[in-house]
Amino acid sequence: MSQQKELFDPDDDDEYDNQGNLDFYGECPNCADGQMFIDPDNIEELIAFCIECGYVIDLQETH
């Protein structure tokens, strides 16, 4: 099972991809309203994050 990491904050400019090119990952398992995305430019940390609730899945741990 995947573990929840620290919550993603889309208002935090250090975390958010300013180019806006995010790939859709799927529906959020944590909240019913959210959609999860992957930042393809972040090669150091492969994560999927929910833009609604901030839930994060570390995809490197799921393989």
PDB file of N, CA and C in Angstrom:
ATOM      1  N   MET A   1       0.833  -1.182   0.000  1.00  0.00           N
ATOM      2  CA  MET A   1       0.000   0.000   0.000  1.00  0.00           C
ATOM      3  C   MET A   1       0.878   1.246   0.000  1.00  0.00           C
ATOM      4  N   SER A   2       0.354   2.280  -0.563  1.00  0.00           N
ATOM      5  CA  SER A   2       1.102   3.531  -0.598  1.00  0.00           C
ATOM      6  C   SER A   2       0.911   4.287   0.709  1.00  0.00           C
ATOM      7  N   GLN A   3       1.866   5.129   1.012  1.00  0.00           N
ATOM      8  CA  GLN A   3       1.809   5.913   2.232  1.00  0.00           C
ATOM      9  C   GLN A   3       1.540   7.363   1.883  1.00  0.00           C
ATOM     10  N   GLN A   4       0.826   8.039   2.773  1.00  0.00           N
ATOM     11  CA  GLN A   4       0.558   9.453   2.561  1.00  0.00           C
ATOM     12  C   GLN A   4       1.764  10.249   3.010  1.00  0.00           C
ATOM     13  N   LYS A   5       2.235  11.122   2.136  1.00  0.00           N
ATOM     14  CA  LYS A   5       3.340  12.013   2.471  1.00  0.00           C
ATOM     15  C   LYS A   5       2.748  13.333   2.934  1.00  0.00           C
ATOM     16  N   GLU A   6       3.585  14.334   3.114  1.00  0.00           N
ATOM     17  CA  GLU A   6       3.060  15.633   3.520  1.00  0.00           C
ATOM     18  C   GLU A   6       2.111  16.151   2.454  1.00  0.00           C
ATOM     19  N   LEU A   7       1.138  16.910   2.876  1.00  0.00           N
ATOM     20  CA  LEU A   7       0.117  17.390   1.961  1.00  0.00           C
ATOM     21  C   LEU A   7       0.699  18.355   0.942  1.00  0.00           C
ATOM     22  N   PHE A   8       0.213  18.245  -0.277  1.00  0.00           N
ATOM     23  CA  PHE A   8       0.601  19.136  -1.357  1.00  0.00           C
ATOM     24  C   PHE A   8      -0.157  20.443  -1.197  1.00  0.00           C
ATOM     25  N   ASP A   9       0.532  21.540  -1.292  1.00  0.00           N
ATOM     26  CA  ASP A   9      -0.089  22.856  -1.185  1.00  0.00           C
ATOM     27  C   ASP A   9       0.062  23.565  -2.523  1.00  0.00           C
ATOM     28  N   PRO A  10      -1.015  23.657  -3.320  1.00  0.00           N
ATOM     29  CA  PRO A  10      -0.901  24.296  -4.634  1.00  0.00           C
ATOM     30  C   PRO A  10      -0.574  25.778  -4.560  1.00  0.00           C
ATOM     31  N   ASP A  11      -0.738  26.385  -3.388  1.00  0.00           N
ATOM     32  CA  ASP A  11      -0.402  27.801  -3.229  1.00  0.00           C
ATOM     33  C   ASP A  11       1.067  28.016  -2.893  1.00  0.00           C
ATOM     34  N   ASP A  12       1.796  26.943  -2.634  1.00  0.00           N
ATOM     35  CA  ASP A  12       3.225  27.027  -2.307  1.00  0.00           C
ATOM     36  C   ASP A  12       4.018  27.016  -3.615  1.00  0.00           C
ATOM     37  N   ASP A  13       4.600  28.144  -3.982  1.00  0.00           N
ATOM     38  CA  ASP A  13       5.300  28.266  -5.258  1.00  0.00           C
ATOM     39  C   ASP A  13       6.502  27.345  -5.371  1.00  0.00           C
ATOM     40  N   ASP A  14       7.081  26.923  -4.244  1.00  0.00           N
ATOM     41  CA  ASP A  14       8.226  26.023  -4.298  1.00  0.00           C
ATOM     42  C   ASP A  14       7.820  24.625  -4.744  1.00  0.00           C
ATOM     43  N   GLU A  15       6.597  24.204  -4.440  1.00  0.00           N
ATOM     44  CA  GLU A  15       6.142  22.867  -4.795  1.00  0.00           C
ATOM     45  C   GLU A  15       5.417  22.842  -6.134  1.00  0.00           C
ATOM     46  N   TYR A  16       4.734  23.918  -6.458  1.00  0.00           N
ATOM     47  CA  TYR A  16       3.839  23.914  -7.610  1.00  0.00           C
ATOM     48  C   TYR A  16       4.605  24.124  -8.914  1.00  0.00           C
ATOM     49  N   ASP A  17       4.247  23.362  -9.925  1.00  0.00           N
ATOM     50  CA  ASP A  17       4.871  23.474 -11.239  1.00  0.00           C
ATOM     51  C   ASP A  17       4.311  24.708 -11.943  1.00  0.00           C
ATOM     52  N   ASN A  18       5.117  25.742 -12.075  1.00  0.00           N
ATOM     53  CA  ASN A  18       4.656  26.990 -12.673  1.00  0.00           C
ATOM     54  C   ASN A  18       4.355  26.871 -14.156  1.00  0.00           C
ATOM     55  N   GLN A  19       4.877  25.835 -14.821  1.00  0.00           N
ATOM     56  CA  GLN A  19       4.613  25.656 -16.244  1.00  0.00           C
ATOM     57  C   GLN A  19       3.209  25.115 -16.483  1.00  0.00           C
ATOM     58  N   GLY A  20       2.615  24.496 -15.492  1.00  0.00           N
ATOM     59  CA  GLY A  20       1.240  24.046 -15.602  1.00  0.00           C
ATOM     60  C   GLY A  20       1.031  22.788 -16.407  1.00  0.00           C
ATOM     61  N   ASN A  21       2.073  22.067 -16.733  1.00  0.00           N
ATOM     62  CA  ASN A  21       1.901  20.847 -17.511  1.00  0.00           C
ATOM     63  C   ASN A  21       1.876  19.639 -16.576  1.00  0.00           C
ATOM     64  N   LEU A  22       0.682  19.288 -16.131  1.00  0.00           N
ATOM     65  CA  LEU A  22       0.497  18.162 -15.229  1.00  0.00           C
ATOM     66  C   LEU A  22      -0.270  17.067 -15.958  1.00  0.00           C
ATOM     67  N   ASP A  23       0.062  15.818 -15.678  1.00  0.00           N
ATOM     68  CA  ASP A  23      -0.618  14.681 -16.285  1.00  0.00           C
ATOM     69  C   ASP A  23      -1.654  14.135 -15.314  1.00  0.00           C
ATOM     70  N   PHE A  24      -2.846  13.860 -15.818  1.00  0.00           N
ATOM     71  CA  PHE A  24      -3.912  13.308 -14.986  1.00  0.00           C
ATOM     72  C   PHE A  24      -3.540  11.899 -14.549  1.00  0.00           C
ATOM     73  N   TYR A  25      -3.711  11.598 -13.257  1.00  0.00           N
ATOM     74  CA  TYR A  25      -3.385  10.280 -12.709  1.00  0.00           C
ATOM     75  C   TYR A  25      -4.638   9.476 -12.396  1.00  0.00           C
ATOM     76  N   GLY A  26      -5.653  10.111 -11.858  1.00  0.00           N
ATOM     77  CA  GLY A  26      -6.883   9.411 -11.508  1.00  0.00           C
ATOM     78  C   GLY A  26      -7.636  10.138 -10.414  1.00  0.00           C
ATOM     79  N   GLU A  27      -8.706   9.505  -9.960  1.00  0.00           N
ATOM     80  CA  GLU A  27      -9.488  10.096  -8.886  1.00  0.00           C
ATOM     81  C   GLU A  27      -8.788   9.883  -7.555  1.00  0.00           C
ATOM     82  N   CYS A  28      -8.966  10.815  -6.660  1.00  0.00           N
ATOM     83  CA  CYS A  28      -8.323  10.767  -5.350  1.00  0.00           C
ATOM     84  C   CYS A  28      -8.997   9.721  -4.461  1.00  0.00           C
ATOM     85  N   PRO A  29      -8.218   8.816  -3.861  1.00  0.00           N
ATOM     86  CA  PRO A  29      -8.800   7.833  -2.947  1.00  0.00           C
ATOM     87  C   PRO A  29      -9.129   8.428  -1.576  1.00  0.00           C
ATOM     88  N   ASN A  30      -8.661   9.628  -1.314  1.00  0.00           N
ATOM     89  CA  ASN A  30      -8.854  10.261  -0.010  1.00  0.00           C
ATOM     90  C   ASN A  30     -10.130  11.102   0.050  1.00  0.00           C
ATOM     91  N   CYS A  31     -10.447  11.783  -1.031  1.00  0.00           N
ATOM     92  CA  CYS A  31     -11.659  12.607  -1.065  1.00  0.00           C
ATOM     93  C   CYS A  31     -12.444  12.267  -2.332  1.00  0.00           C
ATOM     94  N   ALA A  32     -13.722  12.459  -2.285  1.00  0.00           N
ATOM     95  CA  ALA A  32     -14.562  12.082  -3.421  1.00  0.00           C
ATOM     96  C   ALA A  32     -14.511  13.105  -4.552  1.00  0.00           C
ATOM     97  N   ASP A  33     -14.088  14.322  -4.259  1.00  0.00           N
ATOM     98  CA  ASP A  33     -14.153  15.396  -5.246  1.00  0.00           C
ATOM     99  C   ASP A  33     -12.864  15.606  -6.029  1.00  0.00           C
ATOM    100  N   GLY A  34     -11.753  15.133  -5.510  1.00  0.00           N
ATOM    101  CA  GLY A  34     -10.462  15.501  -6.069  1.00  0.00           C
ATOM    102  C   GLY A  34      -9.991  14.640  -7.224  1.00  0.00           C
ATOM    103  N   GLN A  35      -9.142  15.222  -8.029  1.00  0.00           N
ATOM    104  CA  GLN A  35      -8.468  14.523  -9.107  1.00  0.00           C
ATOM    105  C   GLN A  35      -6.977  14.604  -8.846  1.00  0.00           C
ATOM    106  N   MET A  36      -6.284  13.505  -9.124  1.00  0.00           N
ATOM    107  CA  MET A  36      -4.851  13.442  -8.848  1.00  0.00           C
ATOM    108  C   MET A  36      -4.062  13.668 -10.134  1.00  0.00           C
ATOM    109  N   PHE A  37      -2.924  14.330  -9.983  1.00  0.00           N
ATOM    110  CA  PHE A  37      -2.073  14.651 -11.113  1.00  0.00           C
ATOM    111  C   PHE A  37      -0.629  14.294 -10.805  1.00  0.00           C
ATOM    112  N   ILE A  38       0.152  14.101 -11.855  1.00  0.00           N
ATOM    113  CA  ILE A  38       1.586  13.841 -11.766  1.00  0.00           C
ATOM    114  C   ILE A  38       2.306  14.978 -12.473  1.00  0.00           C
ATOM    115  N   ASP A  39       3.396  15.451 -11.890  1.00  0.00           N
ATOM    116  CA  ASP A  39       4.235  16.471 -12.522  1.00  0.00           C
ATOM    117  C   ASP A  39       5.326  15.750 -13.308  1.00  0.00           C
ATOM    118  N   PRO A  40       5.226  15.682 -14.639  1.00  0.00           N
ATOM    119  CA  PRO A  40       6.222  14.945 -15.425  1.00  0.00           C
ATOM    120  C   PRO A  40       7.602  15.599 -15.431  1.00  0.00           C
ATOM    121  N   ASP A  41       7.697  16.854 -15.027  1.00  0.00           N
ATOM    122  CA  ASP A  41       8.986  17.543 -14.993  1.00  0.00           C
ATOM    123  C   ASP A  41       9.774  17.242 -13.728  1.00  0.00           C
ATOM    124  N   ASN A  42       9.130  16.676 -12.723  1.00  0.00           N
ATOM    125  CA  ASN A  42       9.789  16.379 -11.456  1.00  0.00           C
ATOM    126  C   ASN A  42      10.365  14.967 -11.524  1.00  0.00           C
ATOM    127  N   ILE A  43      11.623  14.848 -11.954  1.00  0.00           N
ATOM    128  CA  ILE A  43      12.241  13.534 -12.116  1.00  0.00           C
ATOM    129  C   ILE A  43      12.845  13.015 -10.820  1.00  0.00           C
ATOM    130  N   GLU A  44      13.010  13.882  -9.833  1.00  0.00           N
ATOM    131  CA  GLU A  44      13.606  13.465  -8.568  1.00  0.00           C
ATOM    132  C   GLU A  44      12.589  12.806  -7.651  1.00  0.00           C
ATOM    133  N   GLU A  45      11.338  13.184  -7.745  1.00  0.00           N
ATOM    134  CA  GLU A  45      10.312  12.676  -6.847  1.00  0.00           C
ATOM    135  C   GLU A  45       9.054  12.382  -7.656  1.00  0.00           C
ATOM    136  N   LEU A  46       8.776  11.099  -7.868  1.00  0.00           N
ATOM    137  CA  LEU A  46       7.610  10.700  -8.646  1.00  0.00           C
ATOM    138  C   LEU A  46       6.417  10.558  -7.710  1.00  0.00           C
ATOM    139  N   ILE A  47       5.552  11.572  -7.718  1.00  0.00           N
ATOM    140  CA  ILE A  47       4.387  11.573  -6.834  1.00  0.00           C
ATOM    141  C   ILE A  47       3.140  11.930  -7.629  1.00  0.00           C
ATOM    142  N   ALA A  48       2.001  11.455  -7.134  1.00  0.00           N
ATOM    143  CA  ALA A  48       0.698  11.888  -7.620  1.00  0.00           C
ATOM    144  C   ALA A  48       0.062  12.670  -6.480  1.00  0.00           C
ATOM    145  N   PHE A  49      -0.556  13.783  -6.799  1.00  0.00           N
ATOM    146  CA  PHE A  49      -1.138  14.622  -5.753  1.00  0.00           C
ATOM    147  C   PHE A  49      -2.525  15.094  -6.149  1.00  0.00           C
ATOM    148  N   CYS A  50      -3.362  15.244  -5.125  1.00  0.00           N
ATOM    149  CA  CYS A  50      -4.731  15.711  -5.319  1.00  0.00           C
ATOM    150  C   CYS A  50      -4.751  17.232  -5.227  1.00  0.00           C
ATOM    151  N   ILE A  51      -5.357  17.867  -6.210  1.00  0.00           N
ATOM    152  CA  ILE A  51      -5.407  19.328  -6.207  1.00  0.00           C
ATOM    153  C   ILE A  51      -6.499  19.863  -5.288  1.00  0.00           C
ATOM    154  N   GLU A  52      -7.404  18.995  -4.821  1.00  0.00           N
ATOM    155  CA  GLU A  52      -8.476  19.440  -3.927  1.00  0.00           C
ATOM    156  C   GLU A  52      -8.084  19.343  -2.459  1.00  0.00           C
ATOM    157  N   CYS A  53      -7.625  18.149  -2.020  1.00  0.00           N
ATOM    158  CA  CYS A  53      -7.380  17.947  -0.588  1.00  0.00           C
ATOM    159  C   CYS A  53      -5.901  17.881  -0.234  1.00  0.00           C
ATOM    160  N   GLY A  54      -5.017  17.773  -1.237  1.00  0.00           N
ATOM    161  CA  GLY A  54      -3.589  17.739  -0.962  1.00  0.00           C
ATOM    162  C   GLY A  54      -3.015  16.358  -0.709  1.00  0.00           C
ATOM    163  N   TYR A  55      -3.821  15.309  -0.829  1.00  0.00           N
ATOM    164  CA  TYR A  55      -3.353  13.939  -0.609  1.00  0.00           C
ATOM    165  C   TYR A  55      -2.249  13.606  -1.613  1.00  0.00           C
ATOM    166  N   VAL A  56      -1.203  12.912  -1.139  1.00  0.00           N
ATOM    167  CA  VAL A  56      -0.053  12.592  -1.987  1.00  0.00           C
ATOM    168  C   VAL A  56       0.217  11.096  -1.945  1.00  0.00           C
ATOM    169  N   ILE A  57       0.499  10.510  -3.117  1.00  0.00           N
ATOM    170  CA  ILE A  57       0.914   9.114  -3.217  1.00  0.00           C
ATOM    171  C   ILE A  57       2.321   9.098  -3.792  1.00  0.00           C
ATOM    172  N   ASP A  58       3.236   8.421  -3.105  1.00  0.00           N
ATOM    173  CA  ASP A  58       4.603   8.258  -3.596  1.00  0.00           C
ATOM    174  C   ASP A  58       4.603   7.067  -4.543  1.00  0.00           C
ATOM    175  N   LEU A  59       4.706   7.322  -5.836  1.00  0.00           N
ATOM    176  CA  LEU A  59       4.613   6.267  -6.837  1.00  0.00           C
ATOM    177  C   LEU A  59       5.855   5.390  -6.882  1.00  0.00           C
ATOM    178  N   GLN A  60       6.966   5.858  -6.362  1.00  0.00           N
ATOM    179  CA  GLN A  60       8.173   5.043  -6.324  1.00  0.00           C
ATOM    180  C   GLN A  60       8.026   3.910  -5.323  1.00  0.00           C
ATOM    181  N   GLU A  61       7.227   4.096  -4.271  1.00  0.00           N
ATOM    182  CA  GLU A  61       7.020   3.065  -3.262  1.00  0.00           C
ATOM    183  C   GLU A  61       5.995   2.034  -3.695  1.00  0.00           C
ATOM    184  N   THR A  62       5.180   2.331  -4.706  1.00  0.00           N
ATOM    185  CA  THR A  62       4.133   1.413  -5.131  1.00  0.00           C
ATOM    186  C   THR A  62       4.640   0.377  -6.113  1.00  0.00           C
ATOM    187  N   HIS A  63       5.838   0.520  -6.609  1.00  0.00           N
ATOM    188  CA  HIS A  63       6.369  -0.431  -7.596  1.00  0.00           C
ATOM    189  C   HIS A  63       7.177  -1.497  -6.920  1.00  0.00           C
TER     190      HIS A  63
END
